[in-house]
Amino acid sequence: MAYEAWNEARAREIVAAHQMQEGPALPILHALQEAFGSVPDPALRIVAEALNISRAEIHGIVTFYHDFRHEPAGRHVLKLCRAEACQSVGADRLAAHARERLGIGWGETTPDGAVTLEPIFCLGLCALGPSALADGQVVGRLDEKRLDAMIDGIRR
């Protein structure tokens, strides 16, 4: 996915478009990340000013929710479920395999910019674990072989 380069005027436009919603902080932050690939630090000041809250409050929101990034993700995002139900059916082994196969840790992107690996805490597929979210597509009953095929497919 191609993201826009940071632009303060564009950020202000995004904030203004969502500012009047009820509970606007999360929609604003999601829209900023959708546009820029992350929530850039300069955006925190803009959001705080627009919502009349402190930068610390906005920073707290961004750091609390795992979906918000400080750097843009790779072209593909692979999220592996880390919840207990998936752990009970092999998610830890699968996660170790994914990290080794990609050569990266949680929240990192492969050197070629192809894949970002992120944890996710429950996809609601408890009966189909271990599960993952690959570029927004839910995948259940994963094992190392299926995961390797998935990684090969998104790296092409």
C-alpha atoms as a PDB file:
ATOM      1  CA  MET A   1       0.000   0.000   0.000  1.00  0.00           C
ATOM      2  CA  ALA A   2       1.328   3.451  -0.873  1.00  0.00           C
ATOM      3  CA  TYR A   3       0.985   6.106   1.792  1.00  0.00           C
ATOM      4  CA  GLU A   4       1.034   9.864   1.527  1.00  0.00           C
ATOM      5  CA  ALA A   5       4.141  11.704   2.696  1.00  0.00           C
ATOM      6  CA  TRP A   6       3.632  13.638   5.942  1.00  0.00           C
ATOM      7  CA  ASN A   7       1.872  16.918   5.239  1.00  0.00           C
ATOM      8  CA  GLU A   8       0.582  19.123   8.029  1.00  0.00           C
ATOM      9  CA  ALA A   9      -2.133  20.698   5.902  1.00  0.00           C
ATOM     10  CA  ARG A  10      -3.423  17.245   4.924  1.00  0.00           C
ATOM     11  CA  ALA A  11      -3.340  16.151   8.577  1.00  0.00           C
ATOM     12  CA  ARG A  12      -5.397  19.188   9.585  1.00  0.00           C
ATOM     13  CA  GLU A  13      -7.878  18.377   6.817  1.00  0.00           C
ATOM     14  CA  ILE A  14      -8.230  14.801   8.125  1.00  0.00           C
ATOM     15  CA  VAL A  15      -8.696  16.014  11.702  1.00  0.00           C
ATOM     16  CA  ALA A  16     -11.321  18.557  10.646  1.00  0.00           C
ATOM     17  CA  ALA A  17     -13.242  15.905   8.705  1.00  0.00           C
ATOM     18  CA  HIS A  18     -13.681  13.759  11.849  1.00  0.00           C
ATOM     19  CA  GLN A  19     -13.532  16.313  14.637  1.00  0.00           C
ATOM     20  CA  MET A  20     -17.282  16.727  15.084  1.00  0.00           C
ATOM     21  CA  GLN A  21     -18.016  13.018  15.450  1.00  0.00           C
ATOM     22  CA  GLU A  22     -18.938  11.741  18.867  1.00  0.00           C
ATOM     23  CA  GLY A  23     -15.755  10.305  20.383  1.00  0.00           C
ATOM     24  CA  PRO A  24     -13.554  11.604  17.559  1.00  0.00           C
ATOM     25  CA  ALA A  25     -10.076  10.598  18.805  1.00  0.00           C
ATOM     26  CA  LEU A  26     -10.026   7.033  17.480  1.00  0.00           C
ATOM     27  CA  PRO A  27     -11.606   7.837  14.079  1.00  0.00           C
ATOM     28  CA  ILE A  28      -9.106  10.691  13.638  1.00  0.00           C
ATOM     29  CA  LEU A  29      -6.121   8.524  14.556  1.00  0.00           C
ATOM     30  CA  HIS A  30      -7.278   5.703  12.264  1.00  0.00           C
ATOM     31  CA  ALA A  31      -7.768   8.149   9.388  1.00  0.00           C
ATOM     32  CA  LEU A  32      -4.309   9.648   9.940  1.00  0.00           C
ATOM     33  CA  GLN A  33      -2.753   6.200   9.929  1.00  0.00           C
ATOM     34  CA  GLU A  34      -4.681   5.227   6.814  1.00  0.00           C
ATOM     35  CA  ALA A  35      -3.341   8.287   5.024  1.00  0.00           C
ATOM     36  CA  PHE A  36       0.255   8.339   6.305  1.00  0.00           C
ATOM     37  CA  GLY A  37       0.796   4.689   7.222  1.00  0.00           C
ATOM     38  CA  SER A  38       1.341   5.630  10.854  1.00  0.00           C
ATOM     39  CA  VAL A  39       0.422   8.323  13.343  1.00  0.00           C
ATOM     40  CA  PRO A  40       3.358  10.717  12.968  1.00  0.00           C
ATOM     41  CA  ASP A  41       4.496  12.580  16.093  1.00  0.00           C
ATOM     42  CA  PRO A  42       3.657  16.021  14.651  1.00  0.00           C
ATOM     43  CA  ALA A  43       0.061  14.845  14.227  1.00  0.00           C
ATOM     44  CA  LEU A  44      -0.326  14.358  17.981  1.00  0.00           C
ATOM     45  CA  ARG A  45      -0.105  18.101  18.603  1.00  0.00           C
ATOM     46  CA  ILE A  46      -2.656  18.811  15.869  1.00  0.00           C
ATOM     47  CA  VAL A  47      -5.122  16.258  17.242  1.00  0.00           C
ATOM     48  CA  ALA A  48      -4.656  17.444  20.830  1.00  0.00           C
ATOM     49  CA  GLU A  49      -5.289  21.062  19.853  1.00  0.00           C
ATOM     50  CA  ALA A  50      -8.360  20.191  17.789  1.00  0.00           C
ATOM     51  CA  LEU A  51      -9.906  18.115  20.559  1.00  0.00           C
ATOM     52  CA  ASN A  52      -8.805  20.467  23.338  1.00  0.00           C
ATOM     53  CA  ILE A  53      -6.974  17.724  25.231  1.00  0.00           C
ATOM     54  CA  SER A  54      -3.334  17.286  26.194  1.00  0.00           C
ATOM     55  CA  ARG A  55      -0.694  15.736  23.956  1.00  0.00           C
ATOM     56  CA  ALA A  56      -0.150  13.231  26.759  1.00  0.00           C
ATOM     57  CA  GLU A  57      -3.753  12.034  26.429  1.00  0.00           C
ATOM     58  CA  ILE A  58      -3.403  11.519  22.672  1.00  0.00           C
ATOM     59  CA  HIS A  59      -0.020   9.840  23.158  1.00  0.00           C
ATOM     60  CA  GLY A  60      -1.674   7.550  25.717  1.00  0.00           C
ATOM     61  CA  ILE A  61      -4.325   6.512  23.199  1.00  0.00           C
ATOM     62  CA  VAL A  62      -1.765   5.851  20.462  1.00  0.00           C
ATOM     63  CA  THR A  63       0.448   3.766  22.740  1.00  0.00           C
ATOM     64  CA  PHE A  64      -2.436   1.878  24.379  1.00  0.00           C
ATOM     65  CA  TYR A  65      -3.920   0.495  21.154  1.00  0.00           C
ATOM     66  CA  HIS A  66      -1.696  -1.992  19.333  1.00  0.00           C
ATOM     67  CA  ASP A  67      -3.081  -1.059  15.909  1.00  0.00           C
ATOM     68  CA  PHE A  68      -1.477   2.378  15.875  1.00  0.00           C
ATOM     69  CA  ARG A  69       2.021   2.518  14.410  1.00  0.00           C
ATOM     70  CA  HIS A  70       4.885   4.975  14.772  1.00  0.00           C
ATOM     71  CA  GLU A  71       6.359   3.920  11.423  1.00  0.00           C
ATOM     72  CA  PRO A  72       4.489   2.889   8.281  1.00  0.00           C
ATOM     73  CA  ALA A  73       3.904  -0.851   7.857  1.00  0.00           C
ATOM     74  CA  GLY A  74       5.259  -2.939   5.029  1.00  0.00           C
ATOM     75  CA  ARG A  75       3.305  -3.585   1.871  1.00  0.00           C
ATOM     76  CA  HIS A  76       1.593  -6.507   3.642  1.00  0.00           C
ATOM     77  CA  VAL A  77       0.605  -6.875   7.295  1.00  0.00           C
ATOM     78  CA  LEU A  78       0.486 -10.291   8.921  1.00  0.00           C
ATOM     79  CA  LYS A  79      -1.172 -10.366  12.345  1.00  0.00           C
ATOM     80  CA  LEU A  80      -0.951 -13.583  14.345  1.00  0.00           C
ATOM     81  CA  CYS A  81      -3.422 -14.246  17.131  1.00  0.00           C
ATOM     82  CA  ARG A  82      -1.799 -14.269  20.576  1.00  0.00           C
ATOM     83  CA  ALA A  83      -4.933 -15.011  22.635  1.00  0.00           C
ATOM     84  CA  GLU A  84      -5.129 -17.979  24.995  1.00  0.00           C
ATOM     85  CA  ALA A  85      -7.383 -20.120  22.819  1.00  0.00           C
ATOM     86  CA  CYS A  86      -4.943 -19.921  19.908  1.00  0.00           C
ATOM     87  CA  GLN A  87      -1.992 -20.438  22.240  1.00  0.00           C
ATOM     88  CA  SER A  88      -3.572 -23.656  23.460  1.00  0.00           C
ATOM     89  CA  VAL A  89      -3.474 -25.066  19.912  1.00  0.00           C
ATOM     90  CA  GLY A  90       0.031 -24.062  18.870  1.00  0.00           C
ATOM     91  CA  ALA A  91       0.091 -20.299  18.310  1.00  0.00           C
ATOM     92  CA  ASP A  92       3.384 -19.886  20.199  1.00  0.00           C
ATOM     93  CA  ARG A  93       5.119 -22.432  17.955  1.00  0.00           C
ATOM     94  CA  LEU A  94       3.562 -20.798  14.887  1.00  0.00           C
ATOM     95  CA  ALA A  95       4.665 -17.329  16.010  1.00  0.00           C
ATOM     96  CA  ALA A  96       8.227 -18.513  16.558  1.00  0.00           C
ATOM     97  CA  HIS A  97       8.180 -20.079  13.092  1.00  0.00           C
ATOM     98  CA  ALA A  98       6.882 -16.846  11.517  1.00  0.00           C
ATOM     99  CA  ARG A  99       9.503 -14.700  13.258  1.00  0.00           C
ATOM    100  CA  GLU A 100      12.268 -17.073  12.177  1.00  0.00           C
ATOM    101  CA  ARG A 101      10.972 -17.412   8.622  1.00  0.00           C
ATOM    102  CA  LEU A 102      10.640 -13.644   8.175  1.00  0.00           C
ATOM    103  CA  GLY A 103      13.763 -12.823  10.184  1.00  0.00           C
ATOM    104  CA  ILE A 104      11.953 -10.137  12.200  1.00  0.00           C
ATOM    105  CA  GLY A 105      10.316  -9.652  15.581  1.00  0.00           C
ATOM    106  CA  TRP A 106       6.910  -8.351  16.588  1.00  0.00           C
ATOM    107  CA  GLY A 107       6.134  -4.941  15.136  1.00  0.00           C
ATOM    108  CA  GLU A 108       9.005  -5.125  12.672  1.00  0.00           C
ATOM    109  CA  THR A 109       9.067  -5.098   8.890  1.00  0.00           C
ATOM    110  CA  THR A 110      11.204  -7.288   6.664  1.00  0.00           C
ATOM    111  CA  PRO A 111      14.219  -5.461   5.188  1.00  0.00           C
ATOM    112  CA  ASP A 112      12.626  -5.526   1.725  1.00  0.00           C
ATOM    113  CA  GLY A 113       9.547  -3.731   3.117  1.00  0.00           C
ATOM    114  CA  ALA A 114       7.279  -6.604   2.114  1.00  0.00           C
ATOM    115  CA  VAL A 115       5.837  -7.853   5.418  1.00  0.00           C
ATOM    116  CA  THR A 116       5.152  -6.368   8.839  1.00  0.00           C
ATOM    117  CA  LEU A 117       4.519  -8.903  11.603  1.00  0.00           C
ATOM    118  CA  GLU A 118       2.164  -7.884  14.401  1.00  0.00           C
ATOM    119  CA  PRO A 119       0.438  -9.604  17.297  1.00  0.00           C
ATOM    120  CA  ILE A 120      -3.318  -9.404  17.591  1.00  0.00           C
ATOM    121  CA  PHE A 121      -5.257 -10.390  20.668  1.00  0.00           C
ATOM    122  CA  CYS A 122      -8.252 -12.448  19.544  1.00  0.00           C
ATOM    123  CA  LEU A 123      -9.854 -12.577  16.152  1.00  0.00           C
ATOM    124  CA  GLY A 124     -12.920 -14.372  17.468  1.00  0.00           C
ATOM    125  CA  LEU A 125     -11.932 -17.594  15.712  1.00  0.00           C
ATOM    126  CA  CYS A 126     -11.282 -19.536  18.899  1.00  0.00           C
ATOM    127  CA  ALA A 127     -12.563 -22.807  17.436  1.00  0.00           C
ATOM    128  CA  LEU A 128     -10.361 -22.364  14.341  1.00  0.00           C
ATOM    129  CA  GLY A 129      -7.031 -21.532  15.965  1.00  0.00           C
ATOM    130  CA  PRO A 130      -4.336 -20.765  15.507  1.00  0.00           C
ATOM    131  CA  SER A 131      -5.603 -17.892  13.407  1.00  0.00           C
ATOM    132  CA  ALA A 132      -4.214 -14.859  11.638  1.00  0.00           C
ATOM    133  CA  LEU A 133      -5.178 -11.756   9.736  1.00  0.00           C
ATOM    134  CA  ALA A 134      -3.251 -11.300   6.484  1.00  0.00           C
ATOM    135  CA  ASP A 135      -3.915  -7.990   4.752  1.00  0.00           C
ATOM    136  CA  GLY A 136      -7.340  -7.900   6.394  1.00  0.00           C
ATOM    137  CA  GLN A 137      -8.242 -11.485   5.415  1.00  0.00           C
ATOM    138  CA  VAL A 138      -8.968 -13.829   8.322  1.00  0.00           C
ATOM    139  CA  VAL A 139      -7.301 -17.232   8.153  1.00  0.00           C
ATOM    140  CA  GLY A 140      -7.927 -20.093  10.574  1.00  0.00           C
ATOM    141  CA  ARG A 141      -6.457 -23.501  11.320  1.00  0.00           C
ATOM    142  CA  LEU A 142      -2.950 -22.348  10.504  1.00  0.00           C
ATOM    143  CA  ASP A 143       0.075 -24.578  10.748  1.00  0.00           C
ATOM    144  CA  GLU A 144       3.659 -23.983   9.621  1.00  0.00           C
ATOM    145  CA  LYS A 145       3.010 -25.312   6.102  1.00  0.00           C
ATOM    146  CA  ARG A 146      -0.068 -23.096   5.531  1.00  0.00           C
ATOM    147  CA  LEU A 147       1.731 -20.125   7.069  1.00  0.00           C
ATOM    148  CA  ASP A 148       4.725 -20.622   4.750  1.00  0.00           C
ATOM    149  CA  ALA A 149       2.400 -20.758   1.732  1.00  0.00           C
ATOM    150  CA  MET A 150       0.657 -17.593   2.931  1.00  0.00           C
ATOM    151  CA  ILE A 151       3.980 -15.786   3.385  1.00  0.00           C
ATOM    152  CA  ASP A 152       5.178 -16.940  -0.038  1.00  0.00           C
ATOM    153  CA  GLY A 153       1.932 -15.690  -1.567  1.00  0.00           C
ATOM    154  CA  ILE A 154       2.082 -12.201  -0.088  1.00  0.00           C
ATOM    155  CA  ARG A 155       5.797 -11.779  -0.809  1.00  0.00           C
ATOM    156  CA  ARG A 156       5.278 -12.336  -4.560  1.00  0.00           C
END
